[in-house]
Amino acid sequence: MRKNISAGVLLIALLVLTISVPEADSADNKNIVVLSADQLTSTSRAISGAKKIISRSHSNVIFHDFLVDTSPGSADSQIESIRKLSPTLILSVGTSATSLARDNFPDIPIVFAAVKYPVMSGFVESLSSPGQNITGASLNIPTEVQFRYFKTILPELTKMGVLYTAQTKSLIAPATKVAAEMGVELIAIEIKENKQLPGALDSLARTTDGLWSVADPQLFTPQSTRFILLNTLRKNLPLMGFSRHVVESGALFALDFDYKAVGRQAGDIASKIISGKSPSQIPVSMVDLLWFHYNEKTAKHLKIEMPSEMVAVAKEVYR
C-alpha cells in the first residue's frame, strides 16, 4: 500500500512540474544578427564581450553570426538571409560591417562596436544624440583624457602640435578648445599632400613641445608614418601615438583600449534597445577602460623620465 501511495505522490509531483514549468515558446526568442568583417582577435573579443552582456540580460536571444562577404552577388544573398531572420537588432563590429548594416537595414536597430570616429564616418549625427536607428560603442578616447596624459608626462607642455587632413579636420576645433581649457595652445597644420610633411614637421619642432596624433588613414600611410616617426626622433619632438603599434615603432606613448570592454559597452546598449529603448535616445559611448603603452628607448633618447605612476600602470613597455 505504501509503495502505491508513494508512486501516486510522485506522479502528481511530475504533473505539477509539467504544468508550472512550460517549455519555452520559440516565438518569444529574439534573433540578434552579429555582423563582422574579419576574424581578428580584437573583433572576436568585442563580439564575446557584447554577447556575454546581452545573454546575461536576455536569456531568450539567439545569435546569428555573419562574416561580411563583398564578392559579387554574395552581399545581396547575405542581406536577404539577414532579412529572413527578422532580427530584433543588428550588432555590427568595425567600420565596414557598420557601413553595410547602415546602408541596407534602415528599419532595424543597429548597435555598432569598435568604430573610430562614428560622427566623422557619418554613422551618427552626434555622440550625444545619434539620431535614427543607430548607436553604439566607439573607439573614441576623450580628447581631455589624452591631453591629461600628455601633460602628466610633459608637465612643461604649453604648445602642442598636430597634423591633420581634410578627413580629420572636424576634430581640430573641439580639440583646440579642450587644449585651451588646460592651458595648452594647439598648433594644427593641415597636410594636403605628402610633400608638405618635411616643412610641417620642421615648423612644429621649432614651435611646440610635443606632437599629438589622430588616427587619420589618409595621413598615416605606412610610408608617411615611418617618415613622421623617424623625423620626430631626429628633432627630439615627443610624439603621442594613436595606437600601441605606433609606440612599438618609436612613438613615445599611446593610449589603447580593451576590445572586450568595448564589446561589453555595446552589449549594454543592445540590452537597453532589446528592452524597448530607441537607439536615438542612447548616446554613443567612449572608451572607459584604457591601456597605457610607452617606449622606454624613445623616452631615454628624448631624455624624458616617465612618471612613476605611469610606469606602474603601463600595459606594455617597449624597449
Protein backbone atom coordinates (compact mmCIF):
# COMPACT_ATOMS: atom_id res chain seq x y z
CA MET A 1 0.00 0.00 0.00
CA ARG A 2 2.86 2.42 0.94
CA LYS A 3 4.51 1.82 -2.45
CA ASN A 4 1.27 2.70 -4.29
CA ILE A 5 0.85 5.96 -2.30
CA SER A 6 4.47 6.97 -2.96
CA ALA A 7 4.05 6.26 -6.65
CA GLY A 8 0.90 8.37 -6.73
CA VAL A 9 2.60 11.30 -4.98
CA LEU A 10 5.49 11.13 -7.44
CA LEU A 11 3.10 11.12 -10.41
CA ILE A 12 1.23 14.17 -9.07
CA ALA A 13 4.53 16.00 -8.47
CA LEU A 14 5.61 15.33 -12.03
CA LEU A 15 2.30 16.60 -13.36
CA VAL A 16 2.62 19.81 -11.29
CA LEU A 17 6.14 20.41 -12.57
CA THR A 18 5.00 19.85 -16.15
CA ILE A 19 2.17 22.36 -15.74
CA SER A 20 4.12 25.05 -13.82
CA VAL A 21 7.28 24.99 -15.99
CA PRO A 22 6.10 25.04 -19.59
CA GLU A 23 8.57 24.63 -22.41
CA ALA A 24 9.86 27.95 -23.78
CA ASP A 25 7.87 29.23 -26.72
CA SER A 26 10.17 29.69 -29.69
CA ALA A 27 8.02 32.68 -30.71
CA ASP A 28 9.44 34.56 -27.71
CA ASN A 29 13.01 34.19 -28.94
CA LYS A 30 14.73 37.28 -30.28
CA ASN A 31 17.14 36.98 -33.19
CA ILE A 32 20.30 39.06 -32.91
CA VAL A 33 22.48 39.31 -36.02
CA VAL A 34 26.19 39.76 -35.34
CA LEU A 35 27.90 41.26 -38.38
CA SER A 36 31.70 41.47 -38.66
CA ALA A 37 34.19 41.95 -41.49
CA ASP A 38 37.10 39.90 -40.16
CA GLN A 39 38.11 37.26 -37.63
CA LEU A 40 40.84 39.23 -35.86
CA THR A 41 41.39 38.66 -32.15
CA SER A 42 40.21 42.21 -31.43
CA THR A 43 36.94 41.58 -33.30
CA SER A 44 36.40 38.26 -31.54
CA ARG A 45 36.97 39.88 -28.15
CA ALA A 46 34.46 42.65 -28.91
CA ILE A 47 31.85 40.09 -30.00
CA SER A 48 32.49 37.93 -26.94
CA GLY A 49 32.08 40.90 -24.59
CA ALA A 50 28.84 42.00 -26.25
CA LYS A 51 27.27 38.55 -26.30
CA LYS A 52 28.05 37.98 -22.64
CA ILE A 53 26.27 41.15 -21.54
CA ILE A 54 23.27 40.63 -23.83
CA SER A 55 22.82 36.99 -22.75
CA ARG A 56 23.00 37.97 -19.10
CA SER A 57 20.08 40.38 -19.52
CA HIS A 58 18.05 38.43 -22.10
CA SER A 59 18.02 34.64 -21.92
CA ASN A 60 15.77 34.33 -24.98
CA VAL A 61 18.20 35.77 -27.56
CA ILE A 62 19.59 33.70 -30.40
CA PHE A 63 22.78 34.97 -32.05
CA HIS A 64 23.36 34.58 -35.78
CA ASP A 65 26.94 35.33 -36.85
CA PHE A 66 27.66 36.70 -40.33
CA LEU A 67 31.09 37.43 -41.79
CA VAL A 68 30.73 40.18 -44.39
CA ASP A 69 31.24 38.82 -47.90
CA THR A 70 31.75 41.55 -50.51
CA SER A 71 32.23 39.24 -53.50
CA PRO A 72 29.79 39.83 -56.42
CA GLY A 73 26.32 38.56 -55.60
CA SER A 74 27.29 37.30 -52.15
CA ALA A 75 26.48 40.54 -50.34
CA ASP A 76 22.92 40.55 -51.72
CA SER A 77 22.45 36.94 -50.67
CA GLN A 78 23.74 37.73 -47.19
CA ILE A 79 21.45 40.73 -46.84
CA GLU A 80 18.47 38.58 -47.86
CA SER A 81 19.44 35.89 -45.33
CA ILE A 82 19.59 38.50 -42.57
CA ARG A 83 16.19 39.92 -43.52
CA LYS A 84 14.60 36.46 -43.40
CA LEU A 85 15.61 36.22 -39.73
CA SER A 86 13.57 39.35 -38.89
CA PRO A 87 16.23 40.36 -36.37
CA THR A 88 15.36 42.38 -33.31
CA LEU A 89 18.74 44.06 -33.58
CA ILE A 90 21.96 44.03 -35.61
CA LEU A 91 25.29 44.18 -33.77
CA SER A 92 27.98 45.35 -36.21
CA VAL A 93 31.67 45.19 -35.32
CA GLY A 94 34.01 47.54 -37.13
CA THR A 95 33.54 50.29 -39.70
CA SER A 96 32.93 48.23 -42.84
CA ALA A 97 30.38 45.96 -41.15
CA THR A 98 28.61 49.01 -39.74
CA SER A 99 28.54 50.64 -43.19
CA LEU A 100 26.86 47.55 -44.65
CA ALA A 101 24.31 47.48 -41.83
CA ARG A 102 23.51 51.19 -42.11
CA ASP A 103 23.14 51.12 -45.89
CA ASN A 104 20.85 48.08 -46.00
CA PHE A 105 18.82 47.96 -42.79
CA PRO A 106 17.41 51.43 -42.04
CA ASP A 107 14.38 49.85 -40.38
CA ILE A 108 16.27 47.65 -37.90
CA PRO A 109 18.01 48.93 -34.74
CA ILE A 110 21.80 48.80 -35.19
CA VAL A 111 24.40 48.82 -32.42
CA PHE A 112 28.00 49.16 -33.53
CA ALA A 113 31.14 48.24 -31.63
CA ALA A 114 34.77 49.19 -32.19
CA VAL A 115 34.15 52.08 -34.60
CA LYS A 116 36.57 55.01 -34.70
CA TYR A 117 35.09 58.50 -35.15
CA PRO A 118 31.42 57.47 -35.77
CA VAL A 119 30.34 61.08 -36.38
CA MET A 120 33.07 61.66 -38.96
CA SER A 121 32.15 58.33 -40.57
CA GLY A 122 28.56 59.51 -40.95
CA PHE A 123 27.01 56.80 -38.77
CA VAL A 124 25.52 59.18 -36.19
CA GLU A 125 24.62 62.86 -36.09
CA SER A 126 26.48 63.39 -32.81
CA LEU A 127 27.80 61.30 -29.94
CA SER A 128 25.18 62.61 -27.53
CA SER A 129 22.23 62.46 -29.95
CA PRO A 130 22.87 59.69 -32.50
CA GLY A 131 19.56 60.06 -34.35
CA GLN A 132 17.65 57.49 -36.38
CA ASN A 133 18.22 53.74 -35.87
CA ILE A 134 21.90 53.50 -34.92
CA THR A 135 24.14 54.00 -31.90
CA GLY A 136 26.92 52.04 -30.26
CA ALA A 137 30.32 51.83 -28.59
CA SER A 138 33.05 53.85 -30.27
CA LEU A 139 36.83 53.59 -30.01
CA ASN A 140 36.99 57.30 -29.22
CA ILE A 141 39.15 58.26 -26.26
CA PRO A 142 38.05 61.64 -24.87
CA THR A 143 40.46 64.35 -26.02
CA GLU A 144 40.68 65.75 -22.50
CA VAL A 145 41.91 62.36 -21.26
CA GLN A 146 44.56 62.17 -23.98
CA PHE A 147 45.85 65.67 -23.22
CA ARG A 148 45.87 64.99 -19.48
CA TYR A 149 48.18 62.01 -20.02
CA PHE A 150 50.43 64.14 -22.23
CA LYS A 151 50.59 66.87 -19.55
CA THR A 152 51.43 64.30 -16.88
CA ILE A 153 54.36 63.03 -18.92
CA LEU A 154 55.42 66.53 -20.07
CA PRO A 155 54.45 68.99 -17.31
CA GLU A 156 56.08 71.82 -19.31
CA LEU A 157 53.72 71.21 -22.25
CA THR A 158 52.27 74.60 -23.24
CA LYS A 159 52.26 74.27 -27.04
CA MET A 160 51.21 71.07 -28.75
CA GLY A 161 51.25 70.34 -32.48
CA VAL A 162 49.02 68.14 -34.60
CA LEU A 163 48.95 67.19 -38.27
CA TYR A 164 45.64 66.52 -39.98
CA THR A 165 43.96 66.20 -43.38
CA ALA A 166 40.52 67.12 -44.69
CA GLN A 167 39.35 63.74 -43.38
CA THR A 168 40.03 64.67 -39.74
CA LYS A 169 39.54 68.44 -39.93
CA SER A 170 36.34 68.28 -37.88
CA LEU A 171 38.34 67.02 -34.87
CA ILE A 172 40.61 70.04 -34.67
CA ALA A 173 38.30 72.84 -33.46
CA PRO A 174 36.91 70.85 -30.48
CA ALA A 175 40.43 69.67 -29.59
CA THR A 176 41.73 73.26 -29.73
CA LYS A 177 39.06 74.30 -27.24
CA VAL A 178 39.84 71.41 -24.88
CA ALA A 179 43.57 72.17 -25.03
CA ALA A 180 42.98 75.87 -24.28
CA GLU A 181 40.95 74.96 -21.20
CA MET A 182 44.00 73.03 -19.99
CA GLY A 183 46.38 75.92 -20.65
CA VAL A 184 47.79 74.40 -23.86
CA GLU A 185 47.89 76.02 -27.28
CA LEU A 186 47.16 73.55 -30.07
CA ILE A 187 49.02 74.38 -33.28
CA ALA A 188 47.44 72.48 -36.16
CA ILE A 189 48.79 72.11 -39.68
CA GLU A 190 46.70 70.64 -42.48
CA ILE A 191 48.50 68.26 -44.83
CA LYS A 192 47.07 68.29 -48.34
CA GLU A 193 49.92 66.33 -49.95
CA ASN A 194 52.87 64.35 -48.61
CA LYS A 195 55.48 66.81 -49.84
CA GLN A 196 54.25 69.19 -47.12
CA LEU A 197 55.33 66.84 -44.33
CA PRO A 198 59.01 67.86 -44.01
CA GLY A 199 58.20 71.56 -43.71
CA ALA A 200 55.30 70.93 -41.33
CA LEU A 201 57.42 68.81 -39.01
CA ASP A 202 60.24 71.39 -39.08
CA SER A 203 57.77 74.11 -38.10
CA LEU A 204 56.22 72.10 -35.26
CA ALA A 205 59.64 71.04 -33.95
CA ARG A 206 60.57 74.73 -33.63
CA THR A 207 57.31 75.94 -32.11
CA THR A 208 55.84 73.14 -29.98
CA ASP A 209 56.76 70.96 -27.01
CA GLY A 210 55.13 67.78 -28.31
CA LEU A 211 53.09 66.30 -31.15
CA TRP A 212 49.62 64.80 -30.74
CA SER A 213 48.38 62.42 -33.44
CA VAL A 214 44.92 61.50 -34.67
CA ALA A 215 44.09 58.22 -36.39
CA ASP A 216 43.96 59.65 -39.89
CA PRO A 217 44.35 56.90 -42.52
CA GLN A 218 44.85 59.49 -45.23
CA LEU A 219 47.83 60.97 -43.37
CA PHE A 220 49.30 57.93 -41.65
CA THR A 221 50.10 55.65 -44.54
CA PRO A 222 52.90 53.13 -43.86
CA GLN A 223 55.42 55.33 -45.69
CA SER A 224 54.42 58.64 -44.08
CA THR A 225 54.19 57.02 -40.62
CA ARG A 226 57.80 55.86 -40.91
CA PHE A 227 58.80 59.37 -42.03
CA ILE A 228 56.98 61.04 -39.12
CA LEU A 229 58.42 58.62 -36.54
CA LEU A 230 61.96 58.98 -37.85
CA ASN A 231 61.85 62.77 -38.01
CA THR A 232 60.19 63.36 -34.64
CA LEU A 233 63.01 61.31 -33.11
CA ARG A 234 65.65 63.25 -35.04
CA LYS A 235 64.12 66.54 -33.99
CA ASN A 236 63.63 65.42 -30.36
CA LEU A 237 59.89 66.05 -30.61
CA PRO A 238 57.85 63.83 -28.25
CA LEU A 239 55.09 62.09 -30.21
CA MET A 240 51.87 60.75 -28.72
CA GLY A 241 50.83 57.88 -30.98
CA PHE A 242 47.27 56.82 -31.76
CA SER A 243 47.88 53.10 -31.14
CA ARG A 244 50.29 50.74 -29.43
CA HIS A 245 51.66 49.73 -32.83
CA VAL A 246 52.94 53.26 -33.37
CA VAL A 247 54.57 53.18 -29.94
CA GLU A 248 56.25 49.89 -30.77
CA SER A 249 57.67 51.61 -33.88
CA GLY A 250 59.06 54.59 -31.94
CA ALA A 251 56.38 56.98 -30.66
CA LEU A 252 56.80 58.00 -27.02
CA PHE A 253 53.45 56.69 -25.77
CA ALA A 254 49.85 55.95 -26.67
CA LEU A 255 46.54 55.09 -25.05
CA ASP A 256 44.90 51.90 -26.25
CA PHE A 257 41.74 50.01 -25.42
CA ASP A 258 40.45 46.61 -24.41
CA TYR A 259 38.18 45.42 -27.22
CA LYS A 260 36.31 43.10 -24.88
CA ALA A 261 35.42 46.09 -22.69
CA VAL A 262 34.24 47.98 -25.78
CA GLY A 263 32.13 44.93 -26.65
CA ARG A 264 30.62 44.96 -23.17
CA GLN A 265 29.64 48.61 -23.67
CA ALA A 266 27.95 47.69 -26.96
CA GLY A 267 26.22 44.77 -25.23
CA ASP A 268 24.85 47.06 -22.54
CA ILE A 269 23.47 49.42 -25.21
CA ALA A 270 21.99 46.50 -27.15
CA SER A 271 20.29 45.18 -23.99
CA LYS A 272 18.55 48.52 -23.47
CA ILE A 273 17.30 48.51 -27.06
CA ILE A 274 16.05 44.92 -26.79
CA SER A 275 14.14 46.04 -23.69
CA GLY A 276 12.40 48.71 -25.75
CA LYS A 277 14.55 51.84 -25.73
CA SER A 278 15.14 53.66 -29.02
CA PRO A 279 18.71 53.81 -30.40
CA SER A 280 18.27 57.54 -30.98
CA GLN A 281 17.89 58.02 -27.22
CA ILE A 282 21.14 56.28 -26.27
CA PRO A 283 24.39 58.28 -26.55
CA VAL A 284 27.39 56.72 -28.24
CA SER A 285 29.82 55.51 -25.59
CA MET A 286 33.52 56.29 -25.48
CA VAL A 287 36.30 54.02 -24.28
CA ASP A 288 36.13 53.63 -20.49
CA LEU A 289 38.99 51.16 -19.94
CA LEU A 290 42.36 52.45 -21.10
CA TRP A 291 45.72 50.77 -21.52
CA PHE A 292 48.89 52.85 -21.37
CA HIS A 293 51.84 51.90 -23.59
CA TYR A 294 55.21 53.63 -23.78
CA ASN A 295 58.55 53.21 -25.49
CA GLU A 296 61.40 53.20 -22.97
CA LYS A 297 64.08 53.55 -25.65
CA THR A 298 62.38 56.64 -27.08
CA ALA A 299 61.97 58.16 -23.60
CA LYS A 300 65.71 57.76 -22.98
CA HIS A 301 66.54 59.27 -26.36
CA LEU A 302 64.35 62.29 -25.56
CA LYS A 303 65.74 62.46 -22.01
CA ILE A 304 62.24 62.11 -20.59
CA GLU A 305 61.81 60.38 -17.26
CA MET A 306 58.48 58.61 -17.33
CA PRO A 307 56.49 59.42 -14.15
CA SER A 308 56.43 56.53 -11.69
CA GLU A 309 52.64 56.45 -11.68
CA MET A 310 52.69 55.97 -15.46
CA VAL A 311 55.30 53.21 -15.25
CA ALA A 312 53.20 51.45 -12.60
CA VAL A 313 50.11 51.23 -14.82
CA ALA A 314 51.83 50.57 -18.17
CA LYS A 315 50.22 47.71 -20.04
CA GLU A 316 53.22 47.32 -22.32
CA VAL A 317 56.73 48.80 -22.25
CA TYR A 318 58.71 48.65 -25.50
CA ARG A 319 62.46 48.53 -25.09
